N, C-alpha and C. Protein backbone atom coordinates (compact mmCIF):
# COMPACT_ATOMS: atom_id res chain seq x y z
N UNK A 1 79.34 100.12 94.43
CA UNK A 1 79.88 100.36 95.76
C UNK A 1 80.83 101.55 95.71
N UNK A 2 80.56 102.50 96.55
CA UNK A 2 81.38 103.70 96.64
C UNK A 2 82.47 103.48 97.69
N UNK A 3 83.67 103.86 97.37
CA UNK A 3 84.72 103.71 98.38
C UNK A 3 85.44 105.02 98.60
N UNK A 4 85.97 105.16 99.80
CA UNK A 4 86.75 106.33 100.18
C UNK A 4 88.13 105.85 100.57
N UNK A 5 89.05 106.80 100.62
CA UNK A 5 90.41 106.47 101.04
C UNK A 5 90.85 107.47 102.09
N UNK A 6 91.52 106.98 103.11
CA UNK A 6 92.08 107.84 104.15
C UNK A 6 93.52 107.42 104.38
N UNK A 7 94.39 108.41 104.55
CA UNK A 7 95.78 108.14 104.91
C UNK A 7 96.03 108.77 106.27
N UNK A 8 96.42 107.93 107.21
CA UNK A 8 96.63 108.39 108.58
C UNK A 8 98.08 108.23 108.98
N UNK A 9 98.59 109.19 109.70
CA UNK A 9 99.95 109.13 110.25
C UNK A 9 99.87 108.34 111.56
N UNK A 10 100.67 107.28 111.65
CA UNK A 10 100.66 106.43 112.84
C UNK A 10 102.10 106.32 113.34
N UNK A 11 102.52 107.25 114.20
CA UNK A 11 103.94 107.35 114.61
C UNK A 11 104.52 106.12 115.29
N UNK A 12 103.70 105.27 115.91
CA UNK A 12 104.24 104.11 116.64
C UNK A 12 104.60 102.93 115.75
N UNK A 13 104.28 102.98 114.47
CA UNK A 13 104.65 101.88 113.58
C UNK A 13 106.16 101.97 113.33
N UNK A 14 106.89 100.93 113.75
CA UNK A 14 108.35 100.99 113.56
C UNK A 14 108.96 99.69 113.04
N UNK A 15 108.12 98.65 112.80
CA UNK A 15 108.68 97.40 112.30
C UNK A 15 107.62 96.60 111.56
N UNK A 16 108.03 95.49 110.99
CA UNK A 16 107.11 94.64 110.26
C UNK A 16 106.01 94.06 111.13
N UNK A 17 106.33 93.79 112.39
CA UNK A 17 105.33 93.29 113.33
C UNK A 17 104.21 94.30 113.55
N UNK A 18 104.61 95.57 113.66
CA UNK A 18 103.63 96.65 113.81
C UNK A 18 102.73 96.72 112.57
N UNK A 19 103.34 96.64 111.41
CA UNK A 19 102.60 96.68 110.15
C UNK A 19 101.58 95.54 110.12
N UNK A 20 101.99 94.32 110.51
CA UNK A 20 101.09 93.17 110.51
C UNK A 20 99.93 93.36 111.49
N UNK A 21 100.23 93.86 112.69
CA UNK A 21 99.19 94.07 113.70
C UNK A 21 98.15 95.06 113.21
N UNK A 22 98.61 96.19 112.69
CA UNK A 22 97.72 97.24 112.19
C UNK A 22 96.89 96.73 111.01
N UNK A 23 97.55 96.06 110.07
CA UNK A 23 96.87 95.56 108.88
C UNK A 23 95.79 94.55 109.26
N UNK A 24 96.11 93.60 110.12
CA UNK A 24 95.13 92.59 110.53
C UNK A 24 93.93 93.22 111.23
N UNK A 25 94.20 94.15 112.13
CA UNK A 25 93.11 94.79 112.89
C UNK A 25 92.16 95.53 111.96
N UNK A 26 92.71 96.26 111.00
CA UNK A 26 91.86 97.05 110.11
C UNK A 26 91.13 96.17 109.10
N UNK A 27 91.79 95.11 108.62
CA UNK A 27 91.15 94.24 107.64
C UNK A 27 89.94 93.50 108.24
N UNK A 28 89.89 93.38 109.56
CA UNK A 28 88.76 92.72 110.22
C UNK A 28 87.53 93.61 110.32
N UNK A 29 87.68 94.90 110.03
CA UNK A 29 86.52 95.80 110.09
C UNK A 29 85.64 95.60 108.86
N UNK A 30 84.32 95.52 109.06
CA UNK A 30 83.43 95.41 107.89
C UNK A 30 83.53 96.67 107.04
N UNK A 31 83.63 96.51 105.74
CA UNK A 31 83.69 97.65 104.85
C UNK A 31 85.10 98.07 104.45
N UNK A 32 86.12 97.54 105.15
CA UNK A 32 87.50 97.87 104.78
C UNK A 32 87.90 96.97 103.61
N UNK A 33 88.31 97.60 102.50
CA UNK A 33 88.63 96.86 101.29
C UNK A 33 90.13 96.66 101.11
N UNK A 34 90.92 97.63 101.56
CA UNK A 34 92.36 97.55 101.33
C UNK A 34 93.09 98.32 102.43
N UNK A 35 94.19 97.76 102.89
CA UNK A 35 95.02 98.42 103.91
C UNK A 35 96.47 98.35 103.46
N UNK A 36 97.13 99.48 103.47
CA UNK A 36 98.57 99.53 103.19
C UNK A 36 99.23 100.29 104.34
N UNK A 37 100.04 99.58 105.11
CA UNK A 37 100.74 100.19 106.23
C UNK A 37 102.23 100.18 105.94
N UNK A 38 102.93 101.23 106.38
CA UNK A 38 104.37 101.32 106.13
C UNK A 38 105.11 101.74 107.39
N UNK A 39 106.15 100.97 107.75
CA UNK A 39 106.98 101.36 108.88
C UNK A 39 107.99 102.43 108.48
N UNK A 40 108.17 102.63 107.18
CA UNK A 40 109.11 103.66 106.70
C UNK A 40 108.45 105.04 106.78
N UNK A 41 107.25 105.17 106.21
CA UNK A 41 106.56 106.46 106.21
C UNK A 41 105.74 106.66 107.48
N UNK A 42 105.54 105.57 108.26
CA UNK A 42 104.71 105.61 109.46
C UNK A 42 103.29 106.07 109.13
N UNK A 43 102.79 105.57 107.99
CA UNK A 43 101.45 105.90 107.55
C UNK A 43 100.66 104.64 107.24
N UNK A 44 99.34 104.77 107.36
CA UNK A 44 98.43 103.70 106.98
C UNK A 44 97.42 104.29 106.01
N UNK A 45 97.28 103.67 104.85
CA UNK A 45 96.28 104.08 103.88
C UNK A 45 95.20 103.01 103.85
N UNK A 46 93.96 103.47 104.03
CA UNK A 46 92.83 102.54 104.11
C UNK A 46 91.82 102.91 103.04
N UNK A 47 91.40 101.90 102.28
CA UNK A 47 90.31 102.08 101.33
C UNK A 47 89.10 101.39 101.95
N UNK A 48 87.98 102.13 102.04
CA UNK A 48 86.83 101.58 102.76
C UNK A 48 85.51 102.07 102.19
N UNK A 49 84.45 101.34 102.53
CA UNK A 49 83.09 101.69 102.14
C UNK A 49 82.50 102.54 103.26
N UNK A 50 82.25 103.83 103.01
CA UNK A 50 81.76 104.71 104.07
C UNK A 50 80.36 104.37 104.56
N UNK A 51 79.65 103.52 103.83
CA UNK A 51 78.33 103.09 104.28
C UNK A 51 78.46 102.03 105.38
N UNK A 52 79.64 101.41 105.50
CA UNK A 52 79.83 100.33 106.47
C UNK A 52 80.78 100.70 107.62
N UNK A 53 81.71 101.60 107.38
CA UNK A 53 82.69 101.97 108.41
C UNK A 53 83.11 103.42 108.18
N UNK A 54 83.46 104.11 109.27
CA UNK A 54 83.89 105.50 109.12
C UNK A 54 85.28 105.70 109.72
N UNK A 55 85.82 106.88 109.51
CA UNK A 55 87.20 107.14 109.96
C UNK A 55 87.30 107.11 111.49
N UNK A 56 86.24 107.48 112.18
CA UNK A 56 86.26 107.43 113.65
C UNK A 56 86.45 106.00 114.13
N UNK A 57 85.74 105.06 113.52
CA UNK A 57 85.87 103.65 113.88
C UNK A 57 87.27 103.14 113.54
N UNK A 58 87.79 103.55 112.40
CA UNK A 58 89.14 103.16 111.99
C UNK A 58 90.16 103.66 113.02
N UNK A 59 90.03 104.93 113.40
CA UNK A 59 90.95 105.51 114.39
C UNK A 59 90.85 104.80 115.75
N UNK A 60 89.64 104.50 116.18
CA UNK A 60 89.50 103.83 117.47
C UNK A 60 90.03 102.40 117.43
N UNK A 61 89.91 101.74 116.28
CA UNK A 61 90.48 100.40 116.12
C UNK A 61 92.00 100.46 116.21
N UNK A 62 92.60 101.43 115.56
CA UNK A 62 94.06 101.61 115.64
C UNK A 62 94.49 101.85 117.08
N UNK A 63 93.80 102.73 117.77
CA UNK A 63 94.14 103.03 119.16
C UNK A 63 93.96 101.78 120.04
N UNK A 64 92.94 100.99 119.73
CA UNK A 64 92.66 99.78 120.49
C UNK A 64 93.75 98.73 120.42
N UNK A 65 94.50 98.71 119.31
CA UNK A 65 95.60 97.75 119.19
C UNK A 65 96.96 98.39 119.51
N UNK A 66 96.92 99.62 120.06
CA UNK A 66 98.15 100.27 120.54
C UNK A 66 98.84 101.17 119.53
N UNK A 67 98.15 101.52 118.44
CA UNK A 67 98.77 102.36 117.41
C UNK A 67 97.86 103.55 117.07
N UNK A 68 97.72 104.49 118.01
CA UNK A 68 96.83 105.63 117.74
C UNK A 68 97.35 106.49 116.59
N UNK A 69 96.40 106.95 115.76
CA UNK A 69 96.77 107.84 114.66
C UNK A 69 97.00 109.24 115.22
N UNK A 70 97.96 109.93 114.63
CA UNK A 70 98.29 111.28 115.08
C UNK A 70 97.23 112.26 114.61
């Protein structure tokens, strides 16, 4: 299984609740293997299988839960 990693700047992440919302939403996507979100750096790092999910889907999922990537 080949995996890719993307780090996205998500300016609206400002607390632990935001981190939990973003993490849960992304972990529900097929092909997402690991999610690390930080309210300090306001970044989300996602490890995923590009055969199952792409960055466009990841970005739209973030926007769908109220945390669009910059």
